[in-house]
Amino acid sequence: MKDQVLRHAGALLGGMVHNLNTPLMWVMGRAQLMEARNDGIERLVQAGEEELARFKAKNAKDIASISEGAERIDQILKAVGYKIQMAEEGQVSLELRDYLRNETAFLMSDMRFKHETKTEFAFDSSPSVYADIDYNALSWAFVSLVNLMLDSTAKGRNLVIGLEDGAITVACPECAGVDEGAVRAALSGLVPEQADCAIENAAGLKVVIRLKGVR
């Protein structure tokens, strides 16, 4: 499983670079503006309050943009670092909200997931739960399931990823016709000793992954 997880990560390298490049351009652009403005700072010695206020406001706007860009870069790099570290460790104790935050942040490197899917993340307010699990088995099953849903639907699809009563849930209303066998195949990396996986077809497709030993 580790090899599949790392190969998938490598396949998303182009999207990752794209996601890093956008906030990096913000940082560089705003830094250049501040540098240009700084070249004329001597004239502010004689400036009135109004001009000083304008200078301060422009700098504050640029600093805020730089901070936002740096935060986005930090989030991407943390998600990458998390995936590589967890993949290398294998058997780990996962806090499931943290796992879903990092897994979905990493999936933003897939342009179909980022730009062609209406995503709803319904796990931030869920209670904190932990599970002892093979990270690679869980990650590969989760990513394979999401990819199956993306492959089976057109852009504009809806995807709801949540944490309900300690179970990971992935729902797609547009996936009503997806073959149950294909769903089982996507989840096959998780053996019964690791998780119970339930498939619900009442409204599209909803998969519930209930890991064993959640605490």
N, C-alpha and C. Protein backbone atom coordinates (compact mmCIF):
# COMPACT_ATOMS: atom_id res chain seq x y z
N MET A 1 0.81 -1.22 0.00
CA MET A 1 0.00 0.00 0.00
C MET A 1 0.85 1.27 0.00
N LYS A 2 1.97 1.20 0.71
CA LYS A 2 2.83 2.38 0.80
C LYS A 2 3.24 2.86 -0.59
N ASP A 3 3.60 1.93 -1.47
CA ASP A 3 4.04 2.31 -2.81
C ASP A 3 2.91 3.00 -3.58
N GLN A 4 1.68 2.48 -3.46
CA GLN A 4 0.54 3.10 -4.15
C GLN A 4 0.29 4.51 -3.64
N VAL A 5 0.36 4.66 -2.31
CA VAL A 5 0.13 5.98 -1.71
C VAL A 5 1.17 6.99 -2.20
N LEU A 6 2.44 6.59 -2.21
CA LEU A 6 3.50 7.50 -2.63
C LEU A 6 3.45 7.76 -4.13
N ARG A 7 3.04 6.75 -4.93
CA ARG A 7 2.90 6.97 -6.37
C ARG A 7 1.79 7.97 -6.66
N HIS A 8 0.69 7.83 -5.92
CA HIS A 8 -0.42 8.78 -6.09
C HIS A 8 0.02 10.19 -5.72
N ALA A 9 0.80 10.30 -4.63
CA ALA A 9 1.32 11.62 -4.23
C ALA A 9 2.19 12.20 -5.33
N GLY A 10 3.04 11.37 -5.92
CA GLY A 10 3.90 11.83 -7.01
C GLY A 10 3.12 12.25 -8.23
N ALA A 11 2.00 11.55 -8.51
CA ALA A 11 1.18 11.88 -9.67
C ALA A 11 0.53 13.26 -9.53
N LEU A 12 0.37 13.72 -8.30
CA LEU A 12 -0.25 15.03 -8.06
C LEU A 12 0.77 16.15 -7.92
N LEU A 13 2.02 15.85 -8.25
CA LEU A 13 3.09 16.84 -8.07
C LEU A 13 2.83 18.10 -8.89
N GLY A 14 2.33 17.95 -10.12
CA GLY A 14 2.06 19.12 -10.96
C GLY A 14 1.03 20.04 -10.33
N GLY A 15 -0.05 19.46 -9.80
CA GLY A 15 -1.07 20.26 -9.14
C GLY A 15 -0.55 20.91 -7.88
N MET A 16 0.33 20.22 -7.18
CA MET A 16 0.93 20.76 -5.97
C MET A 16 1.77 22.00 -6.29
N VAL A 17 2.56 21.91 -7.36
CA VAL A 17 3.38 23.05 -7.79
C VAL A 17 2.48 24.22 -8.17
N HIS A 18 1.40 23.93 -8.88
CA HIS A 18 0.43 24.98 -9.25
C HIS A 18 -0.13 25.66 -8.00
N ASN A 19 -0.51 24.86 -7.01
CA ASN A 19 -1.08 25.41 -5.78
C ASN A 19 -0.07 26.23 -4.98
N LEU A 20 1.20 25.85 -5.05
CA LEU A 20 2.25 26.62 -4.38
C LEU A 20 2.57 27.90 -5.13
N ASN A 21 2.52 27.83 -6.46
CA ASN A 21 2.93 28.96 -7.29
C ASN A 21 2.00 30.16 -7.11
N THR A 22 0.70 29.90 -6.98
CA THR A 22 -0.26 31.02 -6.87
C THR A 22 0.01 31.89 -5.64
N PRO A 23 0.04 31.34 -4.42
CA PRO A 23 0.33 32.21 -3.27
C PRO A 23 1.75 32.75 -3.28
N LEU A 24 2.68 32.01 -3.90
CA LEU A 24 4.06 32.51 -3.99
C LEU A 24 4.11 33.78 -4.83
N MET A 25 3.30 33.83 -5.90
CA MET A 25 3.23 35.03 -6.73
C MET A 25 2.67 36.21 -5.93
N TRP A 26 1.69 35.93 -5.06
CA TRP A 26 1.18 37.00 -4.20
C TRP A 26 2.30 37.57 -3.35
N VAL A 27 3.02 36.68 -2.69
CA VAL A 27 4.09 37.11 -1.78
C VAL A 27 5.14 37.92 -2.52
N MET A 28 5.58 37.41 -3.66
CA MET A 28 6.62 38.10 -4.43
C MET A 28 6.12 39.44 -4.96
N GLY A 29 4.88 39.46 -5.47
CA GLY A 29 4.32 40.70 -6.01
C GLY A 29 4.18 41.78 -4.95
N ARG A 30 3.63 41.41 -3.80
CA ARG A 30 3.45 42.38 -2.72
C ARG A 30 4.80 42.84 -2.15
N ALA A 31 5.75 41.94 -2.08
CA ALA A 31 7.08 42.31 -1.60
C ALA A 31 7.73 43.33 -2.53
N GLN A 32 7.53 43.16 -3.84
CA GLN A 32 8.08 44.12 -4.81
C GLN A 32 7.42 45.48 -4.67
N LEU A 33 6.11 45.49 -4.42
CA LEU A 33 5.41 46.76 -4.22
C LEU A 33 5.94 47.48 -2.98
N MET A 34 6.15 46.72 -1.90
CA MET A 34 6.67 47.32 -0.68
C MET A 34 8.10 47.82 -0.88
N GLU A 35 8.88 47.07 -1.66
CA GLU A 35 10.25 47.49 -1.94
C GLU A 35 10.26 48.80 -2.72
N ALA A 36 9.39 48.91 -3.74
CA ALA A 36 9.31 50.14 -4.53
C ALA A 36 8.85 51.31 -3.67
N ARG A 37 7.89 51.05 -2.81
CA ARG A 37 7.38 52.10 -1.93
C ARG A 37 8.46 52.52 -0.93
N ASN A 38 9.26 51.57 -0.50
CA ASN A 38 10.30 51.84 0.48
C ASN A 38 11.39 52.76 -0.08
N ASP A 39 11.59 52.70 -1.41
CA ASP A 39 12.62 53.54 -2.03
C ASP A 39 12.33 55.03 -1.84
N GLY A 40 11.06 55.38 -1.68
CA GLY A 40 10.72 56.79 -1.51
C GLY A 40 10.33 57.16 -0.10
N ILE A 41 10.79 56.37 0.85
CA ILE A 41 10.34 56.56 2.22
C ILE A 41 10.88 57.85 2.85
N GLU A 42 12.01 58.35 2.30
CA GLU A 42 12.61 59.56 2.89
C GLU A 42 11.66 60.75 2.83
N ARG A 43 10.84 60.80 1.78
CA ARG A 43 9.94 61.96 1.63
C ARG A 43 8.87 61.99 2.72
N LEU A 44 8.69 60.88 3.41
CA LEU A 44 7.67 60.84 4.45
C LEU A 44 8.07 61.66 5.68
N VAL A 45 9.36 62.02 5.75
CA VAL A 45 9.81 62.86 6.87
C VAL A 45 9.03 64.17 6.89
N GLN A 46 8.74 64.68 5.68
CA GLN A 46 8.02 65.94 5.57
C GLN A 46 6.53 65.74 5.29
N ALA A 47 6.08 64.49 5.29
CA ALA A 47 4.70 64.20 4.90
C ALA A 47 3.71 64.58 6.00
N GLY A 48 2.50 64.88 5.56
CA GLY A 48 1.44 65.16 6.50
C GLY A 48 0.77 63.88 6.98
N GLU A 49 -0.16 64.03 7.90
CA GLU A 49 -0.82 62.86 8.48
C GLU A 49 -1.60 62.06 7.44
N GLU A 50 -2.21 62.76 6.49
CA GLU A 50 -3.01 62.07 5.47
C GLU A 50 -2.14 61.17 4.59
N GLU A 51 -0.98 61.69 4.18
CA GLU A 51 -0.08 60.89 3.34
C GLU A 51 0.49 59.71 4.13
N LEU A 52 0.82 59.94 5.39
CA LEU A 52 1.33 58.85 6.23
C LEU A 52 0.27 57.76 6.41
N ALA A 53 -0.98 58.17 6.55
CA ALA A 53 -2.06 57.21 6.71
C ALA A 53 -2.23 56.37 5.44
N ARG A 54 -2.10 57.02 4.26
CA ARG A 54 -2.20 56.28 3.00
C ARG A 54 -1.07 55.27 2.87
N PHE A 55 0.14 55.70 3.24
CA PHE A 55 1.31 54.81 3.17
C PHE A 55 1.11 53.60 4.10
N LYS A 56 0.63 53.88 5.29
CA LYS A 56 0.41 52.81 6.27
C LYS A 56 -0.66 51.83 5.78
N ALA A 57 -1.73 52.37 5.18
CA ALA A 57 -2.82 51.52 4.70
C ALA A 57 -2.35 50.61 3.57
N LYS A 58 -1.53 51.16 2.66
CA LYS A 58 -1.02 50.34 1.55
C LYS A 58 -0.11 49.24 2.07
N ASN A 59 0.75 49.59 3.02
CA ASN A 59 1.64 48.58 3.59
C ASN A 59 0.86 47.50 4.35
N ALA A 60 -0.17 47.93 5.07
CA ALA A 60 -0.99 46.97 5.82
C ALA A 60 -1.67 45.98 4.87
N LYS A 61 -2.15 46.49 3.73
CA LYS A 61 -2.79 45.62 2.73
C LYS A 61 -1.79 44.62 2.17
N ASP A 62 -0.59 45.10 1.87
CA ASP A 62 0.44 44.21 1.31
C ASP A 62 0.89 43.17 2.33
N ILE A 63 1.05 43.59 3.57
CA ILE A 63 1.47 42.66 4.63
C ILE A 63 0.41 41.58 4.83
N ALA A 64 -0.87 41.97 4.79
CA ALA A 64 -1.95 40.99 4.94
C ALA A 64 -1.93 39.98 3.80
N SER A 65 -1.67 40.46 2.58
CA SER A 65 -1.61 39.56 1.43
C SER A 65 -0.42 38.61 1.54
N ILE A 66 0.72 39.13 1.98
CA ILE A 66 1.91 38.29 2.17
C ILE A 66 1.63 37.23 3.24
N SER A 67 0.99 37.62 4.32
CA SER A 67 0.67 36.67 5.39
C SER A 67 -0.29 35.59 4.90
N GLU A 68 -1.28 35.98 4.10
CA GLU A 68 -2.23 35.01 3.57
C GLU A 68 -1.54 34.02 2.63
N GLY A 69 -0.67 34.57 1.76
CA GLY A 69 0.07 33.70 0.85
C GLY A 69 0.97 32.74 1.59
N ALA A 70 1.67 33.25 2.61
CA ALA A 70 2.56 32.40 3.40
C ALA A 70 1.78 31.31 4.13
N GLU A 71 0.59 31.65 4.62
CA GLU A 71 -0.24 30.67 5.32
C GLU A 71 -0.69 29.56 4.38
N ARG A 72 -1.05 29.93 3.16
CA ARG A 72 -1.47 28.91 2.18
C ARG A 72 -0.31 27.99 1.82
N ILE A 73 0.85 28.56 1.62
CA ILE A 73 2.04 27.75 1.33
C ILE A 73 2.32 26.81 2.49
N ASP A 74 2.21 27.33 3.71
CA ASP A 74 2.45 26.52 4.91
C ASP A 74 1.46 25.36 4.99
N GLN A 75 0.19 25.60 4.68
CA GLN A 75 -0.83 24.55 4.73
C GLN A 75 -0.52 23.44 3.73
N ILE A 76 -0.12 23.83 2.52
CA ILE A 76 0.21 22.84 1.49
C ILE A 76 1.40 21.99 1.92
N LEU A 77 2.45 22.65 2.39
CA LEU A 77 3.66 21.93 2.78
C LEU A 77 3.40 21.02 3.99
N LYS A 78 2.56 21.47 4.92
CA LYS A 78 2.22 20.63 6.07
C LYS A 78 1.46 19.38 5.63
N ALA A 79 0.54 19.54 4.66
CA ALA A 79 -0.22 18.39 4.16
C ALA A 79 0.70 17.39 3.47
N VAL A 80 1.66 17.91 2.71
CA VAL A 80 2.63 17.04 2.03
C VAL A 80 3.49 16.32 3.07
N GLY A 81 4.00 17.07 4.03
CA GLY A 81 4.84 16.49 5.08
C GLY A 81 4.10 15.43 5.88
N TYR A 82 2.83 15.72 6.18
CA TYR A 82 2.00 14.77 6.94
C TYR A 82 1.86 13.46 6.17
N LYS A 83 1.53 13.55 4.88
CA LYS A 83 1.33 12.35 4.07
C LYS A 83 2.60 11.51 4.00
N ILE A 84 3.73 12.15 3.74
CA ILE A 84 4.98 11.41 3.62
C ILE A 84 5.37 10.76 4.95
N GLN A 85 5.23 11.52 6.04
CA GLN A 85 5.58 10.97 7.36
C GLN A 85 4.69 9.79 7.72
N MET A 86 3.37 9.94 7.53
CA MET A 86 2.44 8.87 7.87
C MET A 86 2.66 7.64 7.00
N ALA A 87 2.94 7.88 5.70
CA ALA A 87 3.19 6.76 4.78
C ALA A 87 4.43 5.97 5.20
N GLU A 88 5.44 6.69 5.65
CA GLU A 88 6.67 6.02 6.08
C GLU A 88 6.47 5.25 7.38
N GLU A 89 5.67 5.80 8.29
CA GLU A 89 5.45 5.14 9.59
C GLU A 89 4.53 3.93 9.46
N GLY A 90 3.54 4.02 8.57
CA GLY A 90 2.63 2.90 8.36
C GLY A 90 1.60 2.77 9.46
N GLN A 91 1.84 1.93 10.44
CA GLN A 91 0.90 1.72 11.54
C GLN A 91 1.01 2.89 12.51
N VAL A 92 -0.08 3.64 12.63
CA VAL A 92 -0.04 4.88 13.42
C VAL A 92 -1.33 5.03 14.22
N SER A 93 -1.29 5.96 15.17
CA SER A 93 -2.49 6.39 15.87
C SER A 93 -2.94 7.70 15.25
N LEU A 94 -4.10 7.69 14.60
CA LEU A 94 -4.57 8.86 13.87
C LEU A 94 -5.69 9.56 14.62
N GLU A 95 -5.60 10.89 14.70
CA GLU A 95 -6.74 11.70 15.12
C GLU A 95 -7.51 11.96 13.82
N LEU A 96 -8.75 11.50 13.75
CA LEU A 96 -9.43 11.41 12.46
C LEU A 96 -9.79 12.76 11.85
N ARG A 97 -10.06 13.77 12.66
CA ARG A 97 -10.29 15.11 12.08
C ARG A 97 -9.02 15.62 11.42
N ASP A 98 -7.90 15.44 12.13
CA ASP A 98 -6.61 15.87 11.59
C ASP A 98 -6.29 15.10 10.32
N TYR A 99 -6.59 13.80 10.33
CA TYR A 99 -6.36 12.99 9.13
C TYR A 99 -7.16 13.53 7.95
N LEU A 100 -8.44 13.81 8.15
CA LEU A 100 -9.29 14.28 7.05
C LEU A 100 -8.87 15.67 6.58
N ARG A 101 -8.47 16.54 7.50
CA ARG A 101 -8.00 17.87 7.10
C ARG A 101 -6.79 17.74 6.17
N ASN A 102 -5.83 16.92 6.56
CA ASN A 102 -4.62 16.78 5.76
C ASN A 102 -4.86 16.04 4.46
N GLU A 103 -5.70 15.01 4.49
CA GLU A 103 -5.97 14.24 3.28
C GLU A 103 -6.70 15.09 2.25
N THR A 104 -7.70 15.86 2.69
CA THR A 104 -8.43 16.71 1.75
C THR A 104 -7.58 17.89 1.29
N ALA A 105 -6.72 18.41 2.17
CA ALA A 105 -5.81 19.49 1.75
C ALA A 105 -4.87 18.99 0.67
N PHE A 106 -4.39 17.76 0.81
CA PHE A 106 -3.51 17.19 -0.20
C PHE A 106 -4.26 16.95 -1.50
N LEU A 107 -5.51 16.51 -1.40
CA LEU A 107 -6.31 16.24 -2.60
C LEU A 107 -6.59 17.50 -3.41
N MET A 108 -6.39 18.68 -2.82
CA MET A 108 -6.54 19.92 -3.58
C MET A 108 -5.53 20.02 -4.71
N SER A 109 -4.51 19.16 -4.70
CA SER A 109 -3.55 19.11 -5.81
C SER A 109 -4.15 18.42 -7.03
N ASP A 110 -5.29 17.74 -6.85
CA ASP A 110 -6.04 17.15 -7.96
C ASP A 110 -7.01 18.22 -8.45
N MET A 111 -6.79 18.72 -9.66
CA MET A 111 -7.58 19.84 -10.15
C MET A 111 -9.06 19.48 -10.30
N ARG A 112 -9.39 18.21 -10.51
CA ARG A 112 -10.80 17.82 -10.57
C ARG A 112 -11.45 18.01 -9.20
N PHE A 113 -10.73 17.65 -8.17
CA PHE A 113 -11.24 17.78 -6.80
C PHE A 113 -11.33 19.25 -6.41
N LYS A 114 -10.34 20.03 -6.80
CA LYS A 114 -10.28 21.43 -6.38
C LYS A 114 -11.22 22.33 -7.17
N HIS A 115 -11.24 22.18 -8.51
CA HIS A 115 -11.95 23.13 -9.36
C HIS A 115 -13.26 22.61 -9.93
N GLU A 116 -13.42 21.29 -10.02
CA GLU A 116 -14.60 20.74 -10.70
C GLU A 116 -15.58 20.07 -9.75
N THR A 117 -15.34 20.20 -8.46
CA THR A 117 -16.17 19.53 -7.46
C THR A 117 -16.60 20.51 -6.38
N LYS A 118 -17.87 20.47 -6.04
CA LYS A 118 -18.37 21.28 -4.93
C LYS A 118 -18.20 20.44 -3.66
N THR A 119 -17.20 20.79 -2.88
CA THR A 119 -16.87 19.98 -1.71
C THR A 119 -17.42 20.61 -0.43
N GLU A 120 -17.89 19.75 0.44
CA GLU A 120 -18.33 20.17 1.77
C GLU A 120 -17.59 19.30 2.79
N PHE A 121 -16.88 19.96 3.69
CA PHE A 121 -16.13 19.23 4.71
C PHE A 121 -16.88 19.35 6.04
N ALA A 122 -17.47 18.24 6.45
CA ALA A 122 -18.34 18.26 7.63
C ALA A 122 -17.70 17.47 8.77
N PHE A 123 -16.47 17.87 9.13
CA PHE A 123 -15.80 17.14 10.22
C PHE A 123 -15.14 18.03 11.25
N ASP A 124 -14.99 19.32 10.96
CA ASP A 124 -14.27 20.20 11.89
C ASP A 124 -14.94 20.31 13.25
N SER A 125 -16.27 20.23 13.28
CA SER A 125 -16.98 20.37 14.56
C SER A 125 -17.28 19.02 15.21
N SER A 126 -16.81 17.93 14.60
CA SER A 126 -17.05 16.59 15.16
C SER A 126 -16.16 16.36 16.38
N PRO A 127 -16.59 15.51 17.31
CA PRO A 127 -15.74 15.19 18.47
C PRO A 127 -14.42 14.56 18.04
N SER A 128 -13.39 14.80 18.81
CA SER A 128 -12.07 14.23 18.51
C SER A 128 -12.07 12.74 18.80
N VAL A 129 -11.68 11.94 17.79
CA VAL A 129 -11.58 10.49 17.98
C VAL A 129 -10.26 10.00 17.37
N TYR A 130 -9.73 8.95 17.96
CA TYR A 130 -8.46 8.37 17.52
C TYR A 130 -8.69 6.92 17.08
N ALA A 131 -7.81 6.48 16.17
CA ALA A 131 -7.85 5.08 15.74
C ALA A 131 -6.43 4.62 15.46
N ASP A 132 -6.13 3.39 15.88
CA ASP A 132 -4.86 2.77 15.53
C ASP A 132 -5.06 2.03 14.21
N ILE A 133 -4.36 2.45 13.17
CA ILE A 133 -4.65 1.95 11.83
C ILE A 133 -3.40 2.01 10.96
N ASP A 134 -3.37 1.18 9.94
CA ASP A 134 -2.34 1.27 8.92
C ASP A 134 -2.69 2.46 8.04
N TYR A 135 -1.93 3.55 8.17
CA TYR A 135 -2.23 4.77 7.42
C TYR A 135 -2.35 4.50 5.93
N ASN A 136 -1.45 3.71 5.39
CA ASN A 136 -1.44 3.47 3.94
C ASN A 136 -2.70 2.75 3.47
N ALA A 137 -3.19 1.81 4.27
CA ALA A 137 -4.42 1.10 3.91
C ALA A 137 -5.60 2.06 3.91
N LEU A 138 -5.69 2.92 4.94
CA LEU A 138 -6.79 3.88 5.02
C LEU A 138 -6.69 4.92 3.91
N SER A 139 -5.50 5.49 3.73
CA SER A 139 -5.32 6.54 2.74
C SER A 139 -5.62 6.03 1.34
N TRP A 140 -5.13 4.83 1.02
CA TRP A 140 -5.36 4.29 -0.32
C TRP A 140 -6.84 4.01 -0.56
N ALA A 141 -7.54 3.49 0.46
CA ALA A 141 -8.97 3.24 0.33
C ALA A 141 -9.74 4.55 0.16
N PHE A 142 -9.40 5.55 0.97
CA PHE A 142 -10.09 6.84 0.91
C PHE A 142 -9.87 7.51 -0.44
N VAL A 143 -8.63 7.57 -0.89
CA VAL A 143 -8.31 8.21 -2.16
C VAL A 143 -8.92 7.44 -3.33
N SER A 144 -8.89 6.11 -3.27
CA SER A 144 -9.48 5.29 -4.34
C SER A 144 -10.98 5.52 -4.43
N LEU A 145 -11.63 5.66 -3.27
CA LEU A 145 -13.07 5.93 -3.25
C LEU A 145 -13.39 7.29 -3.85
N VAL A 146 -12.64 8.32 -3.44
CA VAL A 146 -12.85 9.66 -3.99
C VAL A 146 -12.61 9.66 -5.50
N ASN A 147 -11.54 9.02 -5.94
CA ASN A 147 -11.25 8.95 -7.38
C ASN A 147 -12.35 8.24 -8.15
N LEU A 148 -12.91 7.17 -7.58
CA LEU A 148 -14.02 6.47 -8.22
C LEU A 148 -15.21 7.41 -8.40
N MET A 149 -15.50 8.19 -7.39
CA MET A 149 -16.61 9.14 -7.47
C MET A 149 -16.34 10.22 -8.52
N LEU A 150 -15.09 10.70 -8.58
CA LEU A 150 -14.73 11.71 -9.57
C LEU A 150 -14.81 11.13 -10.98
N ASP A 151 -14.31 9.90 -11.14
CA ASP A 151 -14.31 9.25 -12.46
C ASP A 151 -15.72 8.95 -12.96
N SER A 152 -16.65 8.76 -12.03
CA SER A 152 -18.00 8.31 -12.39
C SER A 152 -18.98 9.44 -12.61
N THR A 153 -18.55 10.68 -12.42
CA THR A 153 -19.46 11.81 -12.51
C THR A 153 -18.84 12.95 -13.31
N ALA A 154 -19.69 13.87 -13.75
CA ALA A 154 -19.23 15.04 -14.51
C ALA A 154 -18.84 16.16 -13.55
N LYS A 155 -18.10 17.13 -14.08
CA LYS A 155 -17.71 18.27 -13.23
C LYS A 155 -18.96 19.00 -12.74
N GLY A 156 -18.83 19.58 -11.56
CA GLY A 156 -19.97 20.19 -10.90
C GLY A 156 -20.60 19.27 -9.87
N ARG A 157 -20.05 18.06 -9.76
CA ARG A 157 -20.53 17.07 -8.79
C ARG A 157 -20.42 17.62 -7.36
N ASN A 158 -21.17 17.04 -6.46
CA ASN A 158 -21.11 17.40 -5.05
C ASN A 158 -20.47 16.27 -4.26
N LEU A 159 -19.62 16.63 -3.33
CA LEU A 159 -18.94 15.63 -2.50
C LEU A 159 -18.96 16.13 -1.05
N VAL A 160 -19.50 15.31 -0.17
CA VAL A 160 -19.56 15.66 1.25
C VAL A 160 -18.71 14.67 2.03
N ILE A 161 -17.69 15.17 2.70
CA ILE A 161 -16.79 14.33 3.48
C ILE A 161 -16.97 14.69 4.95
N GLY A 162 -17.31 13.70 5.75
CA GLY A 162 -17.62 14.00 7.14
C GLY A 162 -17.09 12.97 8.12
N LEU A 163 -17.42 13.21 9.37
CA LEU A 163 -17.04 12.32 10.48
C LEU A 163 -18.28 12.21 11.36
N GLU A 164 -18.95 11.06 11.29
CA GLU A 164 -20.21 10.87 12.00
C GLU A 164 -20.07 9.73 13.02
N ASP A 165 -20.24 10.06 14.28
CA ASP A 165 -20.14 9.05 15.34
C ASP A 165 -18.85 8.24 15.24
N GLY A 166 -17.76 8.92 14.94
CA GLY A 166 -16.46 8.26 14.87
C GLY A 166 -16.18 7.55 13.56
N ALA A 167 -17.09 7.65 12.59
CA ALA A 167 -16.91 6.98 11.29
C ALA A 167 -16.67 8.02 10.19
N ILE A 168 -15.76 7.71 9.27
CA ILE A 168 -15.51 8.57 8.12
C ILE A 168 -16.61 8.34 7.09
N THR A 169 -17.20 9.42 6.57
CA THR A 169 -18.25 9.30 5.57
C THR A 169 -17.88 10.08 4.32
N VAL A 170 -18.19 9.50 3.17
CA VAL A 170 -17.99 10.16 1.88
C VAL A 170 -19.27 9.98 1.09
N ALA A 171 -19.92 11.09 0.72
CA ALA A 171 -21.20 11.03 0.02
C ALA A 171 -21.16 11.83 -1.27
N CYS A 172 -21.82 11.28 -2.30
CA CYS A 172 -21.92 11.96 -3.60
C CYS A 172 -23.31 11.71 -4.16
N PRO A 173 -24.19 12.73 -4.17
CA PRO A 173 -25.56 12.54 -4.66
C PRO A 173 -25.62 12.10 -6.12
N GLU A 174 -24.61 12.49 -6.92
CA GLU A 174 -24.62 12.16 -8.35
C GLU A 174 -24.12 10.75 -8.65
N CYS A 175 -23.72 10.00 -7.63
CA CYS A 175 -23.11 8.68 -7.82
C CYS A 175 -24.10 7.53 -7.67
N ALA A 176 -25.39 7.80 -7.90
CA ALA A 176 -26.41 6.76 -7.67
C ALA A 176 -26.17 5.51 -8.51
N GLY A 177 -25.62 5.66 -9.72
CA GLY A 177 -25.46 4.51 -10.60
C GLY A 177 -24.14 3.78 -10.47
N VAL A 178 -23.31 4.19 -9.53
CA VAL A 178 -22.00 3.55 -9.39
C VAL A 178 -22.16 2.12 -8.89
N ASP A 179 -21.50 1.19 -9.55
CA ASP A 179 -21.60 -0.23 -9.21
C ASP A 179 -21.04 -0.49 -7.81
N GLU A 180 -21.79 -1.25 -7.01
CA GLU A 180 -21.34 -1.55 -5.65
C GLU A 180 -20.04 -2.34 -5.65
N GLY A 181 -19.86 -3.19 -6.66
CA GLY A 181 -18.63 -3.96 -6.76
C GLY A 181 -17.42 -3.07 -6.94
N ALA A 182 -17.59 -1.97 -7.71
CA ALA A 182 -16.49 -1.02 -7.91
C ALA A 182 -16.16 -0.31 -6.61
N VAL A 183 -17.20 -0.01 -5.82
CA VAL A 183 -16.97 0.63 -4.52
C VAL A 183 -16.22 -0.32 -3.59
N ARG A 184 -16.63 -1.58 -3.57
CA ARG A 184 -15.95 -2.57 -2.73
C ARG A 184 -14.49 -2.73 -3.15
N ALA A 185 -14.26 -2.70 -4.46
CA ALA A 185 -12.89 -2.83 -4.97
C ALA A 185 -12.04 -1.65 -4.52
N ALA A 186 -12.62 -0.44 -4.55
CA ALA A 186 -11.88 0.75 -4.11
C ALA A 186 -11.50 0.66 -2.64
N LEU A 187 -12.35 0.01 -1.86
CA LEU A 187 -12.13 -0.08 -0.42
C LEU A 187 -11.37 -1.34 -0.01
N SER A 188 -10.96 -2.14 -0.98
CA SER A 188 -10.42 -3.47 -0.69
C SER A 188 -9.12 -3.45 0.12
N GLY A 189 -8.43 -2.30 0.15
CA GLY A 189 -7.21 -2.21 0.94
C GLY A 189 -7.46 -2.29 2.43
N LEU A 190 -8.70 -1.98 2.84
CA LEU A 190 -9.07 -2.06 4.25
C LEU A 190 -9.68 -3.44 4.51
N VAL A 191 -9.00 -4.28 5.24
CA VAL A 191 -9.50 -5.62 5.53
C VAL A 191 -10.50 -5.54 6.69
N PRO A 192 -11.38 -6.57 6.83
CA PRO A 192 -12.40 -6.54 7.88
C PRO A 192 -11.85 -6.33 9.28
N GLU A 193 -10.63 -6.78 9.53
CA GLU A 193 -10.03 -6.59 10.85
C GLU A 193 -9.72 -5.12 11.13
N GLN A 194 -9.67 -4.31 10.07
CA GLN A 194 -9.34 -2.90 10.23
C GLN A 194 -10.56 -2.00 10.26
N ALA A 195 -11.59 -2.35 9.48
CA ALA A 195 -12.74 -1.45 9.36
C ALA A 195 -13.97 -2.19 8.84
N ASP A 196 -15.14 -1.67 9.21
CA ASP A 196 -16.40 -2.08 8.60
C ASP A 196 -16.81 -0.98 7.63
N CYS A 197 -17.06 -1.35 6.38
CA CYS A 197 -17.43 -0.37 5.36
C CYS A 197 -18.86 -0.63 4.90
N ALA A 198 -19.72 0.37 5.06
CA ALA A 198 -21.13 0.24 4.67
C ALA A 198 -21.42 1.14 3.48
N ILE A 199 -22.24 0.64 2.56
CA ILE A 199 -22.62 1.39 1.37
C ILE A 199 -24.11 1.70 1.43
N GLU A 200 -24.45 2.99 1.33
CA GLU A 200 -25.85 3.41 1.37
C GLU A 200 -26.21 4.05 0.04
N ASN A 201 -27.37 3.65 -0.52
CA ASN A 201 -27.78 4.14 -1.84
C ASN A 201 -29.09 4.92 -1.80
N ALA A 202 -29.51 5.36 -0.63
CA ALA A 202 -30.80 6.04 -0.51
C ALA A 202 -30.83 7.35 -1.30
N ALA A 203 -29.76 8.10 -1.26
CA ALA A 203 -29.70 9.39 -1.97
C ALA A 203 -28.33 9.50 -2.63
N GLY A 204 -28.22 8.92 -3.83
CA GLY A 204 -26.92 8.89 -4.49
C GLY A 204 -26.09 7.76 -3.91
N LEU A 205 -24.90 8.08 -3.46
CA LEU A 205 -24.01 7.08 -2.86
C LEU A 205 -23.37 7.68 -1.62
N LYS A 206 -23.43 6.93 -0.54
CA LYS A 206 -22.76 7.33 0.70
C LYS A 206 -22.03 6.11 1.24
N VAL A 207 -20.75 6.28 1.53
CA VAL A 207 -19.93 5.20 2.07
C VAL A 207 -19.52 5.58 3.49
N VAL A 208 -19.71 4.65 4.40
CA VAL A 208 -19.36 4.85 5.81
C VAL A 208 -18.21 3.91 6.15
N ILE A 209 -17.08 4.48 6.55
CA ILE A 209 -15.90 3.70 6.93
C ILE A 209 -15.76 3.78 8.45
N ARG A 210 -16.10 2.69 9.11
CA ARG A 210 -16.03 2.66 10.58
C ARG A 210 -14.81 1.84 10.99
N LEU A 211 -13.76 2.55 11.40
CA LEU A 211 -12.53 1.88 11.78
C LEU A 211 -12.69 1.15 13.10
N LYS A 212 -12.00 0.02 13.22
CA LYS A 212 -12.06 -0.74 14.46
C LYS A 212 -11.18 -0.06 15.53
N GLY A 213 -11.62 -0.17 16.76
CA GLY A 213 -10.81 0.35 17.87
C GLY A 213 -10.78 1.85 17.98
N VAL A 214 -11.81 2.53 17.47
CA VAL A 214 -11.88 4.00 17.61
C VAL A 214 -12.07 4.35 19.08
N ARG A 215 -11.37 5.36 19.52
CA ARG A 215 -11.47 5.74 20.94
C ARG A 215 -11.52 7.27 21.07
